[in-house]
């Protein structure tokens, strides 16, 4: 099997992801705005031009318990983007 990279970069795709997120009213917290890591978001995501159109959803008890356990282990949990709107 021959593996080949895409002929385009994420930087070229990002405006289309951004446009869809605003059309679909995605909730979330950016972790990398224009190359600057933002606390509370996903620090591993590729650079994005702007925040998600809606803030992260309110956490439920299970999510709070998971976040607390992860923080106690030295991890930095973050809310994942959702399309619940």
PDB file of N, CA and C in Angstrom:
ATOM      1  N   UNK A   1       0.835  -1.174   0.000  1.00  0.00           N
ATOM      2  CA  UNK A   1       0.000   0.000   0.000  1.00  0.00           C
ATOM      3  C   UNK A   1       0.880   1.237   0.000  1.00  0.00           C
ATOM      4  N   UNK A   2       0.627   2.132  -0.905  1.00  0.00           N
ATOM      5  CA  UNK A   2       1.370   3.383  -0.959  1.00  0.00           C
ATOM      6  C   UNK A   2       0.629   4.440  -0.156  1.00  0.00           C
ATOM      7  N   UNK A   3       1.327   5.068   0.765  1.00  0.00           N
ATOM      8  CA  UNK A   3       0.719   6.126   1.582  1.00  0.00           C
ATOM      9  C   UNK A   3       1.226   7.465   1.061  1.00  0.00           C
ATOM     10  N   UNK A   4       0.302   8.361   0.826  1.00  0.00           N
ATOM     11  CA  UNK A   4       0.661   9.664   0.291  1.00  0.00           C
ATOM     12  C   UNK A   4      -0.055  10.752   1.087  1.00  0.00           C
ATOM     13  N   UNK A   5       0.660  11.808   1.410  1.00  0.00           N
ATOM     14  CA  UNK A   5       0.039  12.942   2.095  1.00  0.00           C
ATOM     15  C   UNK A   5      -0.936  13.634   1.172  1.00  0.00           C
ATOM     16  N   UNK A   6      -1.852  14.367   1.765  1.00  0.00           N
ATOM     17  CA  UNK A   6      -2.775  15.174   0.985  1.00  0.00           C
ATOM     18  C   UNK A   6      -1.980  16.232   0.241  1.00  0.00           C
ATOM     19  N   UNK A   7      -2.516  16.699  -0.855  1.00  0.00           N
ATOM     20  CA  UNK A   7      -1.851  17.741  -1.630  1.00  0.00           C
ATOM     21  C   UNK A   7      -2.141  19.140  -1.131  1.00  0.00           C
ATOM     22  N   UNK A   8      -2.814  19.248   0.033  1.00  0.00           N
ATOM     23  CA  UNK A   8      -3.124  20.554   0.616  1.00  0.00           C
ATOM     24  C   UNK A   8      -2.748  20.533   2.086  1.00  0.00           C
ATOM     25  N   UNK A   9      -2.620  21.715   2.668  1.00  0.00           N
ATOM     26  CA  UNK A   9      -2.241  21.823   4.078  1.00  0.00           C
ATOM     27  C   UNK A   9      -3.469  22.132   4.927  1.00  0.00           C
ATOM     28  N   UNK A  10      -3.320  21.964   6.233  1.00  0.00           N
ATOM     29  CA  UNK A  10      -4.417  22.312   7.134  1.00  0.00           C
ATOM     30  C   UNK A  10      -4.692  23.814   7.073  1.00  0.00           C
ATOM     31  N   UNK A  11      -3.661  24.615   6.895  1.00  0.00           N
ATOM     32  CA  UNK A  11      -3.850  26.069   6.797  1.00  0.00           C
ATOM     33  C   UNK A  11      -4.770  26.424   5.632  1.00  0.00           C
ATOM     34  N   UNK A  12      -4.701  25.649   4.555  1.00  0.00           N
ATOM     35  CA  UNK A  12      -5.591  25.896   3.419  1.00  0.00           C
ATOM     36  C   UNK A  12      -7.019  25.441   3.709  1.00  0.00           C
ATOM     37  N   UNK A  13      -7.182  24.413   4.533  1.00  0.00           N
ATOM     38  CA  UNK A  13      -8.504  23.894   4.880  1.00  0.00           C
ATOM     39  C   UNK A  13      -9.183  24.671   5.997  1.00  0.00           C
ATOM     40  N   UNK A  14      -8.414  25.291   6.871  1.00  0.00           N
ATOM     41  CA  UNK A  14      -8.949  25.919   8.076  1.00  0.00           C
ATOM     42  C   UNK A  14     -10.080  26.903   7.805  1.00  0.00           C
ATOM     43  N   UNK A  15     -10.013  27.757   6.788  1.00  0.00           N
ATOM     44  CA  UNK A  15     -11.141  28.677   6.550  1.00  0.00           C
ATOM     45  C   UNK A  15     -12.462  27.950   6.279  1.00  0.00           C
ATOM     46  N   UNK A  16     -12.399  26.780   5.672  1.00  0.00           N
ATOM     47  CA  UNK A  16     -13.617  26.021   5.393  1.00  0.00           C
ATOM     48  C   UNK A  16     -14.163  25.358   6.658  1.00  0.00           C
ATOM     49  N   UNK A  17     -13.266  24.851   7.512  1.00  0.00           N
ATOM     50  CA  UNK A  17     -13.697  24.340   8.808  1.00  0.00           C
ATOM     51  C   UNK A  17     -14.342  25.466   9.608  1.00  0.00           C
ATOM     52  N   UNK A  18     -13.700  26.628   9.624  1.00  0.00           N
ATOM     53  CA  UNK A  18     -14.212  27.778  10.362  1.00  0.00           C
ATOM     54  C   UNK A  18     -15.605  28.160   9.867  1.00  0.00           C
ATOM     55  N   UNK A  19     -15.777  28.230   8.579  1.00  0.00           N
ATOM     56  CA  UNK A  19     -17.072  28.610   8.009  1.00  0.00           C
ATOM     57  C   UNK A  19     -18.154  27.608   8.421  1.00  0.00           C
ATOM     58  N   UNK A  20     -17.846  26.307   8.329  1.00  0.00           N
ATOM     59  CA  UNK A  20     -18.819  25.295   8.722  1.00  0.00           C
ATOM     60  C   UNK A  20     -19.165  25.411  10.203  1.00  0.00           C
ATOM     61  N   UNK A  21     -18.166  25.630  11.059  1.00  0.00           N
ATOM     62  CA  UNK A  21     -18.433  25.743  12.492  1.00  0.00           C
ATOM     63  C   UNK A  21     -19.403  26.880  12.789  1.00  0.00           C
ATOM     64  N   UNK A  22     -19.311  27.963  12.045  1.00  0.00           N
ATOM     65  CA  UNK A  22     -20.225  29.084  12.255  1.00  0.00           C
ATOM     66  C   UNK A  22     -21.598  28.809  11.644  1.00  0.00           C
ATOM     67  N   UNK A  23     -21.666  28.108  10.534  1.00  0.00           N
ATOM     68  CA  UNK A  23     -22.956  27.740   9.932  1.00  0.00           C
ATOM     69  C   UNK A  23     -23.684  26.745  10.831  1.00  0.00           C
ATOM     70  N   UNK A  24     -22.961  25.777  11.382  1.00  0.00           N
ATOM     71  CA  UNK A  24     -23.556  24.718  12.195  1.00  0.00           C
ATOM     72  C   UNK A  24     -23.643  25.082  13.679  1.00  0.00           C
ATOM     73  N   UNK A  25     -23.198  26.270  14.067  1.00  0.00           N
ATOM     74  CA  UNK A  25     -23.259  26.743  15.457  1.00  0.00           C
ATOM     75  C   UNK A  25     -22.583  25.762  16.414  1.00  0.00           C
ATOM     76  N   UNK A  26     -21.312  25.507  16.187  1.00  0.00           N
ATOM     77  CA  UNK A  26     -20.535  24.581  17.018  1.00  0.00           C
ATOM     78  C   UNK A  26     -20.158  25.253  18.337  1.00  0.00           C
ATOM     79  N   UNK A  27     -20.296  24.515  19.432  1.00  0.00           N
ATOM     80  CA  UNK A  27     -19.899  24.990  20.755  1.00  0.00           C
ATOM     81  C   UNK A  27     -18.516  24.443  21.072  1.00  0.00           C
ATOM     82  N   UNK A  28     -17.676  25.254  21.706  1.00  0.00           N
ATOM     83  CA  UNK A  28     -16.358  24.763  22.083  1.00  0.00           C
ATOM     84  C   UNK A  28     -15.472  25.862  22.609  1.00  0.00           C
ATOM     85  N   UNK A  29     -14.243  25.500  22.903  1.00  0.00           N
ATOM     86  CA  UNK A  29     -13.229  26.433  23.387  1.00  0.00           C
ATOM     87  C   UNK A  29     -11.963  26.195  22.581  1.00  0.00           C
ATOM     88  N   UNK A  30     -11.524  27.227  21.878  1.00  0.00           N
ATOM     89  CA  UNK A  30     -10.300  27.111  21.083  1.00  0.00           C
ATOM     90  C   UNK A  30      -9.099  26.935  22.005  1.00  0.00           C
ATOM     91  N   UNK A  31      -8.144  26.159  21.565  1.00  0.00           N
ATOM     92  CA  UNK A  31      -6.929  25.956  22.348  1.00  0.00           C
ATOM     93  C   UNK A  31      -5.705  26.517  21.664  1.00  0.00           C
ATOM     94  N   UNK A  32      -5.858  26.934  20.398  1.00  0.00           N
ATOM     95  CA  UNK A  32      -4.722  27.449  19.633  1.00  0.00           C
ATOM     96  C   UNK A  32      -5.253  28.512  18.663  1.00  0.00           C
ATOM     97  N   UNK A  33      -5.184  29.768  19.084  1.00  0.00           N
ATOM     98  CA  UNK A  33      -5.639  30.873  18.242  1.00  0.00           C
ATOM     99  C   UNK A  33      -4.436  31.527  17.573  1.00  0.00           C
ATOM    100  N   UNK A  34      -4.361  31.377  16.277  1.00  0.00           N
ATOM    101  CA  UNK A  34      -3.271  31.972  15.493  1.00  0.00           C
ATOM    102  C   UNK A  34      -1.893  31.617  16.037  1.00  0.00           C
ATOM    103  N   UNK A  35      -1.749  30.378  16.495  1.00  0.00           N
ATOM    104  CA  UNK A  35      -0.458  29.914  16.986  1.00  0.00           C
ATOM    105  C   UNK A  35      -0.205  30.160  18.462  1.00  0.00           C
ATOM    106  N   UNK A  36      -1.119  30.843  19.140  1.00  0.00           N
ATOM    107  CA  UNK A  36      -0.979  31.098  20.576  1.00  0.00           C
ATOM    108  C   UNK A  36      -1.846  30.102  21.345  1.00  0.00           C
ATOM    109  N   UNK A  37      -1.236  29.352  22.267  1.00  0.00           N
ATOM    110  CA  UNK A  37      -1.977  28.378  23.063  1.00  0.00           C
ATOM    111  C   UNK A  37      -2.853  29.129  24.060  1.00  0.00           C
ATOM    112  N   UNK A  38      -4.122  28.739  24.120  1.00  0.00           N
ATOM    113  CA  UNK A  38      -5.110  29.370  24.994  1.00  0.00           C
ATOM    114  C   UNK A  38      -5.490  28.381  26.083  1.00  0.00           C
ATOM    115  N   UNK A  39      -5.436  28.805  27.340  1.00  0.00           N
ATOM    116  CA  UNK A  39      -5.784  27.885  28.425  1.00  0.00           C
ATOM    117  C   UNK A  39      -7.276  27.567  28.376  1.00  0.00           C
ATOM    118  N   UNK A  40      -7.600  26.341  28.766  1.00  0.00           N
ATOM    119  CA  UNK A  40      -8.984  25.903  28.774  1.00  0.00           C
ATOM    120  C   UNK A  40      -9.414  25.203  27.501  1.00  0.00           C
ATOM    121  N   UNK A  41      -8.630  25.322  26.435  1.00  0.00           N
ATOM    122  CA  UNK A  41      -8.946  24.673  25.162  1.00  0.00           C
ATOM    123  C   UNK A  41      -7.983  23.536  24.875  1.00  0.00           C
ATOM    124  N   UNK A  42      -8.136  22.927  23.717  1.00  0.00           N
ATOM    125  CA  UNK A  42      -7.285  21.815  23.301  1.00  0.00           C
ATOM    126  C   UNK A  42      -5.936  22.351  22.817  1.00  0.00           C
ATOM    127  N   UNK A  43      -4.862  22.159  23.599  1.00  0.00           N
ATOM    128  CA  UNK A  43      -3.556  22.693  23.194  1.00  0.00           C
ATOM    129  C   UNK A  43      -2.936  21.946  22.019  1.00  0.00           C
ATOM    130  N   UNK A  44      -3.502  20.807  21.647  1.00  0.00           N
ATOM    131  CA  UNK A  44      -2.946  19.992  20.570  1.00  0.00           C
ATOM    132  C   UNK A  44      -3.578  20.276  19.211  1.00  0.00           C
ATOM    133  N   UNK A  45      -4.640  21.094  19.176  1.00  0.00           N
ATOM    134  CA  UNK A  45      -5.300  21.371  17.904  1.00  0.00           C
ATOM    135  C   UNK A  45      -4.430  22.272  17.029  1.00  0.00           C
ATOM    136  N   UNK A  46      -4.682  22.224  15.746  1.00  0.00           N
ATOM    137  CA  UNK A  46      -3.953  23.083  14.804  1.00  0.00           C
ATOM    138  C   UNK A  46      -4.401  24.528  15.006  1.00  0.00           C
ATOM    139  N   UNK A  47      -3.581  25.475  14.597  1.00  0.00           N
ATOM    140  CA  UNK A  47      -3.970  26.885  14.756  1.00  0.00           C
ATOM    141  C   UNK A  47      -5.280  27.202  14.038  1.00  0.00           C
ATOM    142  N   UNK A  48      -6.116  27.965  14.707  1.00  0.00           N
ATOM    143  CA  UNK A  48      -7.383  28.392  14.129  1.00  0.00           C
ATOM    144  C   UNK A  48      -7.445  29.914  14.155  1.00  0.00           C
ATOM    145  N   UNK A  49      -8.247  30.484  13.287  1.00  0.00           N
ATOM    146  CA  UNK A  49      -8.307  31.938  13.139  1.00  0.00           C
ATOM    147  C   UNK A  49      -9.116  32.621  14.238  1.00  0.00           C
ATOM    148  N   UNK A  50     -10.161  31.945  14.739  1.00  0.00           N
ATOM    149  CA  UNK A  50     -11.000  32.567  15.760  1.00  0.00           C
ATOM    150  C   UNK A  50     -11.650  31.503  16.625  1.00  0.00           C
ATOM    151  N   UNK A  51     -12.297  31.974  17.703  1.00  0.00           N
ATOM    152  CA  UNK A  51     -12.987  31.089  18.637  1.00  0.00           C
ATOM    153  C   UNK A  51     -14.152  30.380  17.960  1.00  0.00           C
ATOM    154  N   UNK A  52     -14.654  29.363  18.621  1.00  0.00           N
ATOM    155  CA  UNK A  52     -15.880  28.719  18.165  1.00  0.00           C
ATOM    156  C   UNK A  52     -17.018  29.727  18.286  1.00  0.00           C
ATOM    157  N   UNK A  53     -18.064  29.573  17.492  1.00  0.00           N
ATOM    158  CA  UNK A  53     -19.158  30.547  17.539  1.00  0.00           C
ATOM    159  C   UNK A  53     -19.926  30.553  18.861  1.00  0.00           C
ATOM    160  N   UNK A  54     -20.010  29.415  19.533  1.00  0.00           N
ATOM    161  CA  UNK A  54     -20.712  29.330  20.811  1.00  0.00           C
ATOM    162  C   UNK A  54     -19.760  28.825  21.887  1.00  0.00           C
ATOM    163  N   UNK A  55     -19.967  29.239  23.146  1.00  0.00           N
ATOM    164  CA  UNK A  55     -19.095  28.760  24.228  1.00  0.00           C
ATOM    165  C   UNK A  55     -19.321  27.277  24.487  1.00  0.00           C
ATOM    166  N   UNK A  56     -18.399  26.647  25.224  1.00  0.00           N
ATOM    167  CA  UNK A  56     -18.583  25.226  25.547  1.00  0.00           C
ATOM    168  C   UNK A  56     -19.893  25.012  26.300  1.00  0.00           C
ATOM    169  N   UNK A  57     -20.459  23.826  26.141  1.00  0.00           N
ATOM    170  CA  UNK A  57     -21.687  23.501  26.864  1.00  0.00           C
ATOM    171  C   UNK A  57     -21.411  23.404  28.354  1.00  0.00           C
ATOM    172  N   UNK A  58     -22.447  23.597  29.152  1.00  0.00           N
ATOM    173  CA  UNK A  58     -22.324  23.445  30.595  1.00  0.00           C
ATOM    174  C   UNK A  58     -21.978  21.992  30.897  1.00  0.00           C
ATOM    175  N   UNK A  59     -21.025  21.792  31.784  1.00  0.00           N
ATOM    176  CA  UNK A  59     -20.592  20.419  32.078  1.00  0.00           C
ATOM    177  C   UNK A  59     -21.602  19.723  32.983  1.00  0.00           C
ATOM    178  N   UNK A  60     -21.690  18.417  32.818  1.00  0.00           N
ATOM    179  CA  UNK A  60     -22.538  17.603  33.675  1.00  0.00           C
ATOM    180  C   UNK A  60     -21.656  16.979  34.754  1.00  0.00           C
ATOM    181  N   UNK A  61     -22.269  16.371  35.743  1.00  0.00           N
ATOM    182  CA  UNK A  61     -21.526  15.810  36.873  1.00  0.00           C
ATOM    183  C   UNK A  61     -20.463  14.809  36.421  1.00  0.00           C
ATOM    184  N   UNK A  62     -20.793  13.937  35.485  1.00  0.00           N
ATOM    185  CA  UNK A  62     -19.823  12.939  35.015  1.00  0.00           C
ATOM    186  C   UNK A  62     -18.595  13.621  34.412  1.00  0.00           C
ATOM    187  N   UNK A  63     -18.803  14.689  33.652  1.00  0.00           N
ATOM    188  CA  UNK A  63     -17.678  15.421  33.055  1.00  0.00           C
ATOM    189  C   UNK A  63     -16.838  16.108  34.123  1.00  0.00           C
ATOM    190  N   UNK A  64     -17.499  16.660  35.138  1.00  0.00           N
ATOM    191  CA  UNK A  64     -16.766  17.302  36.238  1.00  0.00           C
ATOM    192  C   UNK A  64     -15.930  16.293  37.004  1.00  0.00           C
ATOM    193  N   UNK A  65     -16.486  15.109  37.232  1.00  0.00           N
ATOM    194  CA  UNK A  65     -15.747  14.060  37.937  1.00  0.00           C
ATOM    195  C   UNK A  65     -14.547  13.596  37.114  1.00  0.00           C
ATOM    196  N   UNK A  66     -14.748  13.441  35.803  1.00  0.00           N
ATOM    197  CA  UNK A  66     -13.649  13.035  34.930  1.00  0.00           C
ATOM    198  C   UNK A  66     -12.552  14.089  34.927  1.00  0.00           C
ATOM    199  N   UNK A  67     -12.939  15.367  34.805  1.00  0.00           N
ATOM    200  CA  UNK A  67     -11.957  16.455  34.775  1.00  0.00           C
ATOM    201  C   UNK A  67     -11.157  16.504  36.071  1.00  0.00           C
ATOM    202  N   UNK A  68     -11.840  16.344  37.194  1.00  0.00           N
ATOM    203  CA  UNK A  68     -11.139  16.364  38.486  1.00  0.00           C
ATOM    204  C   UNK A  68     -10.144  15.220  38.587  1.00  0.00           C
ATOM    205  N   UNK A  69     -10.564  14.013  38.165  1.00  0.00           N
ATOM    206  CA  UNK A  69      -9.667  12.850  38.209  1.00  0.00           C
ATOM    207  C   UNK A  69      -8.471  13.064  37.286  1.00  0.00           C
ATOM    208  N   UNK A  70      -8.706  13.603  36.103  1.00  0.00           N
ATOM    209  CA  UNK A  70      -7.620  13.853  35.155  1.00  0.00           C
ATOM    210  C   UNK A  70      -6.647  14.892  35.714  1.00  0.00           C
ATOM    211  N   UNK A  71      -7.190  15.964  36.300  1.00  0.00           N
ATOM    212  CA  UNK A  71      -6.319  16.998  36.889  1.00  0.00           C
ATOM    213  C   UNK A  71      -5.484  16.433  38.028  1.00  0.00           C
ATOM    214  N   UNK A  72      -6.067  15.547  38.841  1.00  0.00           N
ATOM    215  CA  UNK A  72      -5.320  14.916  39.936  1.00  0.00           C
ATOM    216  C   UNK A  72      -4.180  14.049  39.435  1.00  0.00           C
ATOM    217  N   UNK A  73      -4.290  13.579  38.200  1.00  0.00           N
ATOM    218  CA  UNK A  73      -3.226  12.771  37.595  1.00  0.00           C
ATOM    219  C   UNK A  73      -2.232  13.631  36.811  1.00  0.00           C
ATOM    220  N   UNK A  74      -2.435  14.958  36.827  1.00  0.00           N
ATOM    221  CA  UNK A  74      -1.507  15.861  36.144  1.00  0.00           C
ATOM    222  C   UNK A  74      -1.874  16.199  34.711  1.00  0.00           C
ATOM    223  N   UNK A  75      -3.055  15.780  34.285  1.00  0.00           N
ATOM    224  CA  UNK A  75      -3.506  16.097  32.922  1.00  0.00           C
ATOM    225  C   UNK A  75      -4.265  17.423  32.903  1.00  0.00           C
ATOM    226  N   UNK A  76      -4.530  17.921  31.710  1.00  0.00           N
ATOM    227  CA  UNK A  76      -5.229  19.193  31.538  1.00  0.00           C
ATOM    228  C   UNK A  76      -6.443  18.976  30.634  1.00  0.00           C
ATOM    229  N   UNK A  77      -7.560  18.507  31.219  1.00  0.00           N
ATOM    230  CA  UNK A  77      -8.741  18.236  30.395  1.00  0.00           C
ATOM    231  C   UNK A  77      -9.312  19.520  29.796  1.00  0.00           C
ATOM    232  N   UNK A  78     -10.021  19.368  28.699  1.00  0.00           N
ATOM    233  CA  UNK A  78     -10.629  20.513  28.020  1.00  0.00           C
ATOM    234  C   UNK A  78     -11.957  20.075  27.418  1.00  0.00           C
ATOM    235  N   UNK A  79     -12.882  21.010  27.235  1.00  0.00           N
ATOM    236  CA  UNK A  79     -14.165  20.640  26.633  1.00  0.00           C
ATOM    237  C   UNK A  79     -13.984  20.345  25.146  1.00  0.00           C
ATOM    238  N   UNK A  80     -14.674  19.351  24.664  1.00  0.00           N
ATOM    239  CA  UNK A  80     -14.564  19.039  23.237  1.00  0.00           C
ATOM    240  C   UNK A  80     -15.664  19.783  22.483  1.00  0.00           C
ATOM    241  N   UNK A  81     -15.412  20.101  21.238  1.00  0.00           N
ATOM    242  CA  UNK A  81     -16.417  20.783  20.431  1.00  0.00           C
ATOM    243  C   UNK A  81     -17.656  19.902  20.237  1.00  0.00           C
ATOM    244  N   UNK A  82     -18.825  20.521  20.266  1.00  0.00           N
ATOM    245  CA  UNK A  82     -20.068  19.788  20.070  1.00  0.00           C
ATOM    246  C   UNK A  82     -20.981  20.548  19.122  1.00  0.00           C
ATOM    247  N   UNK A  83     -21.866  19.798  18.492  1.00  0.00           N
ATOM    248  CA  UNK A  83     -22.809  20.390  17.547  1.00  0.00           C
ATOM    249  C   UNK A  83     -24.233  20.178  18.038  1.00  0.00           C
ATOM    250  N   UNK A  84     -24.495  20.544  19.281  1.00  0.00           N
ATOM    251  CA  UNK A  84     -25.806  20.300  19.868  1.00  0.00           C
ATOM    252  C   UNK A  84     -26.827  21.389  19.548  1.00  0.00           C
ATOM    253  N   UNK A  85     -26.394  22.521  19.051  1.00  0.00           N
ATOM    254  CA  UNK A  85     -27.337  23.603  18.732  1.00  0.00           C
ATOM    255  C   UNK A  85     -28.194  23.167  17.573  1.00  0.00           C
TER     256      UNK A  85
END
